[in-house]
Structures are given as C-alpha cells and as structure tokens.
Amino acid sequence: MRTYIFACIHNAGRSQMSAAFFNQLADPTLAHAISAGTQPADRVHPIVVEVMHEVGIDLSTTQPQKLTAELAQQAEMLITMGCGDECPYIPNLRRADWPLPDPKGKSIETVRAIRDDIRNRVTALLLAETT
C-alpha cells in the first residue's frame, strides 16, 4: 500500500480537499492519502466543508492533524501546498509542490475553483502514478 501525504499550513482546506479526492479516486487496495498541516487549525474551514459536500464528500467530522517527520516517513510522496520551509525534509521522499491559493476568507466561487483545480491535479497525479 502506497501512502501519499498532502500538506499545507493549517490542514483546513487545500490538503483536506486533496486527500479526500485522492481517496475517492484511487484504488484503495493500492494507495491512500492522508493530509496534515505544519500548524493545524481547530477545524476544516466551513466553506471547504460546504463545497466538498456539493461533490458528495463529507469533511464535516474531519480533524486537522500535525505534519511530523514520523508521519512523513511512512509516505511515498509528499505534496505540499504553501507550507514551504516549514514542511519537514525527509531523505529519499519524493516531493511536489502545488501552488494553490488558501481558501480561507475567499468567496464560495473562488473556493469552488480551487476545489476543481485540486480534483484535476489529483486526477493527473493518479494517472501519472499508474502509468
């Protein structure tokens, strides 16, 4: 089983959406995703919960968690979204950075656009990883 970690600063938006789409689209016998943040928030942004609910994904009970070196060591790949130098360095861990805007404080239309961009990126990642 391959593990992918999606990380942002607060683990309350981008990384939550990314892991949710990954787990919805990936073959669960081959890979799964977790999300984490360098400074986890108390909860997932309500607007993120709302726009994910629109596409059939429930994040209402999801709790942000801290990105630690121990957590990252179990992963095959770390995809970061804005945590920059705060994300831990793990030798031999593949990394990618997705420069996505933080949905916090954005309009619902903007958050929907971020959500759709993330879904497209996750789809492309899964295609690249299985070919």
C-alpha atoms as a PDB file:
ATOM      1  CA  MET A   1       0.000   0.000   0.000  1.00  0.00           C
ATOM      2  CA  ARG A   2       1.437   3.364  -1.047  1.00  0.00           C
ATOM      3  CA  THR A   3       0.781   6.391   1.141  1.00  0.00           C
ATOM      4  CA  TYR A   4       0.632   9.954  -0.141  1.00  0.00           C
ATOM      5  CA  ILE A   5       0.613  12.961   2.164  1.00  0.00           C
ATOM      6  CA  PHE A   6      -0.968  16.262   1.202  1.00  0.00           C
ATOM      7  CA  ALA A   7       0.259  19.092   3.414  1.00  0.00           C
ATOM      8  CA  CYS A   8      -0.487  22.765   3.877  1.00  0.00           C
ATOM      9  CA  ILE A   9      -0.084  25.117   6.810  1.00  0.00           C
ATOM     10  CA  HIS A  10      -3.383  24.703   8.668  1.00  0.00           C
ATOM     11  CA  ASN A  11      -4.649  21.394   7.203  1.00  0.00           C
ATOM     12  CA  ALA A  12      -8.039  23.049   6.965  1.00  0.00           C
ATOM     13  CA  GLY A  13      -8.555  23.467   3.218  1.00  0.00           C
ATOM     14  CA  ARG A  14      -6.301  22.539   0.316  1.00  0.00           C
ATOM     15  CA  SER A  15      -4.700  19.449   1.826  1.00  0.00           C
ATOM     16  CA  GLN A  16      -8.047  18.189   3.125  1.00  0.00           C
ATOM     17  CA  MET A  17      -9.643  18.502  -0.318  1.00  0.00           C
ATOM     18  CA  SER A  18      -6.638  16.852  -1.981  1.00  0.00           C
ATOM     19  CA  ALA A  19      -6.581  13.812   0.300  1.00  0.00           C
ATOM     20  CA  ALA A  20     -10.358  13.423   0.046  1.00  0.00           C
ATOM     21  CA  PHE A  21     -10.292  13.433  -3.760  1.00  0.00           C
ATOM     22  CA  PHE A  22      -7.294  11.082  -3.805  1.00  0.00           C
ATOM     23  CA  ASN A  23      -9.060   8.585  -1.559  1.00  0.00           C
ATOM     24  CA  GLN A  24     -12.243   8.855  -3.608  1.00  0.00           C
ATOM     25  CA  LEU A  25     -10.458   8.281  -6.935  1.00  0.00           C
ATOM     26  CA  ALA A  26      -7.599   5.889  -6.078  1.00  0.00           C
ATOM     27  CA  ASP A  27      -7.837   2.121  -5.916  1.00  0.00           C
ATOM     28  CA  PRO A  28      -7.986   1.585  -2.131  1.00  0.00           C
ATOM     29  CA  THR A  29      -6.041  -1.656  -2.417  1.00  0.00           C
ATOM     30  CA  LEU A  30      -3.062   0.174  -3.942  1.00  0.00           C
ATOM     31  CA  ALA A  31      -2.834   3.626  -2.390  1.00  0.00           C
ATOM     32  CA  HIS A  32      -4.327   6.009   0.111  1.00  0.00           C
ATOM     33  CA  ALA A  33      -3.769   9.585   1.175  1.00  0.00           C
ATOM     34  CA  ILE A  34      -3.597  11.451   4.426  1.00  0.00           C
ATOM     35  CA  SER A  35      -3.481  15.175   4.990  1.00  0.00           C
ATOM     36  CA  ALA A  36      -1.638  17.218   7.575  1.00  0.00           C
ATOM     37  CA  GLY A  37      -0.506  20.717   8.386  1.00  0.00           C
ATOM     38  CA  THR A  38       2.500  22.392   9.947  1.00  0.00           C
ATOM     39  CA  GLN A  39       0.242  24.496  12.197  1.00  0.00           C
ATOM     40  CA  PRO A  40      -3.093  22.624  12.259  1.00  0.00           C
ATOM     41  CA  ALA A  41      -6.285  24.598  12.716  1.00  0.00           C
ATOM     42  CA  ASP A  42      -9.048  23.591  15.096  1.00  0.00           C
ATOM     43  CA  ARG A  43     -11.318  22.505  12.244  1.00  0.00           C
ATOM     44  CA  VAL A  44     -11.686  22.333   8.491  1.00  0.00           C
ATOM     45  CA  HIS A  45     -12.838  25.681   7.038  1.00  0.00           C
ATOM     46  CA  PRO A  46     -16.671  25.664   6.889  1.00  0.00           C
ATOM     47  CA  ILE A  47     -16.637  26.887   3.271  1.00  0.00           C
ATOM     48  CA  VAL A  48     -14.397  23.934   2.339  1.00  0.00           C
ATOM     49  CA  VAL A  49     -16.829  21.548   4.038  1.00  0.00           C
ATOM     50  CA  GLU A  50     -19.639  23.187   2.040  1.00  0.00           C
ATOM     51  CA  VAL A  51     -18.006  22.989  -1.410  1.00  0.00           C
ATOM     52  CA  MET A  52     -16.873  19.406  -0.847  1.00  0.00           C
ATOM     53  CA  HIS A  53     -20.392  18.457   0.235  1.00  0.00           C
ATOM     54  CA  GLU A  54     -21.539  19.771  -3.169  1.00  0.00           C
ATOM     55  CA  VAL A  55     -19.500  16.989  -4.823  1.00  0.00           C
ATOM     56  CA  GLY A  56     -20.553  14.266  -2.397  1.00  0.00           C
ATOM     57  CA  ILE A  57     -17.602  14.330   0.018  1.00  0.00           C
ATOM     58  CA  ASP A  58     -18.252  14.860   3.730  1.00  0.00           C
ATOM     59  CA  LEU A  59     -15.460  16.606   5.621  1.00  0.00           C
ATOM     60  CA  SER A  60     -17.678  17.772   8.488  1.00  0.00           C
ATOM     61  CA  THR A  61     -16.101  15.427  11.042  1.00  0.00           C
ATOM     62  CA  THR A  62     -12.557  15.551   9.702  1.00  0.00           C
ATOM     63  CA  GLN A  63      -9.986  16.856  12.188  1.00  0.00           C
ATOM     64  CA  PRO A  64      -6.788  18.657  11.079  1.00  0.00           C
ATOM     65  CA  GLN A  65      -3.580  16.961  12.230  1.00  0.00           C
ATOM     66  CA  LYS A  66       0.076  17.972  12.580  1.00  0.00           C
ATOM     67  CA  LEU A  67       2.605  17.081   9.904  1.00  0.00           C
ATOM     68  CA  THR A  68       5.513  15.415  11.646  1.00  0.00           C
ATOM     69  CA  ALA A  69       8.673  13.785  10.345  1.00  0.00           C
ATOM     70  CA  GLU A  70       7.371  10.468  11.705  1.00  0.00           C
ATOM     71  CA  LEU A  71       4.135  10.813   9.743  1.00  0.00           C
ATOM     72  CA  ALA A  72       6.011  11.758   6.563  1.00  0.00           C
ATOM     73  CA  GLN A  73       8.422   8.818   6.852  1.00  0.00           C
ATOM     74  CA  GLN A  74       5.642   6.344   6.098  1.00  0.00           C
ATOM     75  CA  ALA A  75       4.814   8.078   2.812  1.00  0.00           C
ATOM     76  CA  GLU A  76       5.932   7.504  -0.721  1.00  0.00           C
ATOM     77  CA  MET A  77       5.300  11.109  -1.708  1.00  0.00           C
ATOM     78  CA  LEU A  78       4.678  14.460  -0.009  1.00  0.00           C
ATOM     79  CA  ILE A  79       2.676  17.063  -1.905  1.00  0.00           C
ATOM     80  CA  THR A  80       2.928  20.481  -0.285  1.00  0.00           C
ATOM     81  CA  MET A  81       0.673  23.493  -0.742  1.00  0.00           C
ATOM     82  CA  GLY A  82       2.130  26.595   0.783  1.00  0.00           C
ATOM     83  CA  CYS A  83       3.991  25.278   3.819  1.00  0.00           C
ATOM     84  CA  GLY A  84       7.386  25.857   2.189  1.00  0.00           C
ATOM     85  CA  ASP A  85      10.320  25.546   4.568  1.00  0.00           C
ATOM     86  CA  GLU A  86       8.025  24.578   7.450  1.00  0.00           C
ATOM     87  CA  CYS A  87       7.404  21.167   5.864  1.00  0.00           C
ATOM     88  CA  PRO A  88       9.843  18.570   7.194  1.00  0.00           C
ATOM     89  CA  TYR A  89      12.630  17.297   4.985  1.00  0.00           C
ATOM     90  CA  ILE A  90      12.666  13.509   4.736  1.00  0.00           C
ATOM     91  CA  PRO A  91      15.563  11.993   2.784  1.00  0.00           C
ATOM     92  CA  ASN A  92      14.501   9.954  -0.254  1.00  0.00           C
ATOM     93  CA  LEU A  93      10.886  11.112  -0.036  1.00  0.00           C
ATOM     94  CA  ARG A  94       9.514  12.281  -3.375  1.00  0.00           C
ATOM     95  CA  ARG A  95       8.051  15.748  -3.175  1.00  0.00           C
ATOM     96  CA  ALA A  96       5.896  18.001  -5.295  1.00  0.00           C
ATOM     97  CA  ASP A  97       4.538  21.467  -4.615  1.00  0.00           C
ATOM     98  CA  TRP A  98       1.157  22.634  -5.818  1.00  0.00           C
ATOM     99  CA  PRO A  99       0.989  26.447  -5.690  1.00  0.00           C
ATOM    100  CA  LEU A 100      -2.678  26.740  -4.756  1.00  0.00           C
ATOM    101  CA  PRO A 101      -4.282  29.712  -3.005  1.00  0.00           C
ATOM    102  CA  ASP A 102      -5.505  29.237   0.548  1.00  0.00           C
ATOM    103  CA  PRO A 103      -9.333  29.080   0.505  1.00  0.00           C
ATOM    104  CA  LYS A 104      -9.602  30.808   3.901  1.00  0.00           C
ATOM    105  CA  GLY A 105     -11.587  34.015   3.552  1.00  0.00           C
ATOM    106  CA  LYS A 106     -12.279  33.511  -0.166  1.00  0.00           C
ATOM    107  CA  SER A 107     -15.680  33.659  -1.865  1.00  0.00           C
ATOM    108  CA  ILE A 108     -17.555  30.421  -2.475  1.00  0.00           C
ATOM    109  CA  GLU A 109     -16.954  30.792  -6.236  1.00  0.00           C
ATOM    110  CA  THR A 110     -13.197  31.048  -5.653  1.00  0.00           C
ATOM    111  CA  VAL A 111     -13.211  28.045  -3.305  1.00  0.00           C
ATOM    112  CA  ARG A 112     -15.135  26.036  -5.906  1.00  0.00           C
ATOM    113  CA  ALA A 113     -12.462  26.930  -8.479  1.00  0.00           C
ATOM    114  CA  ILE A 114      -9.717  25.833  -6.049  1.00  0.00           C
ATOM    115  CA  ARG A 115     -11.636  22.586  -5.408  1.00  0.00           C
ATOM    116  CA  ASP A 116     -11.943  21.871  -9.130  1.00  0.00           C
ATOM    117  CA  ASP A 117      -8.249  22.657  -9.691  1.00  0.00           C
ATOM    118  CA  ILE A 118      -7.342  20.236  -6.899  1.00  0.00           C
ATOM    119  CA  ARG A 119      -9.556  17.490  -8.356  1.00  0.00           C
ATOM    120  CA  ASN A 120      -7.810  17.935 -11.734  1.00  0.00           C
ATOM    121  CA  ARG A 121      -4.357  17.819 -10.121  1.00  0.00           C
ATOM    122  CA  VAL A 122      -5.219  14.686  -8.119  1.00  0.00           C
ATOM    123  CA  THR A 123      -6.577  13.001 -11.255  1.00  0.00           C
ATOM    124  CA  ALA A 124      -3.372  13.852 -13.133  1.00  0.00           C
ATOM    125  CA  LEU A 125      -1.234  12.572 -10.236  1.00  0.00           C
ATOM    126  CA  LEU A 126      -3.099   9.272 -10.145  1.00  0.00           C
ATOM    127  CA  LEU A 127      -2.749   8.863 -13.904  1.00  0.00           C
ATOM    128  CA  ALA A 128       0.967   9.574 -13.728  1.00  0.00           C
ATOM    129  CA  GLU A 129       1.473   7.162 -10.825  1.00  0.00           C
ATOM    130  CA  THR A 130      -0.313   4.275 -12.556  1.00  0.00           C
ATOM    131  CA  THR A 131       1.363   4.555 -15.969  1.00  0.00           C
END
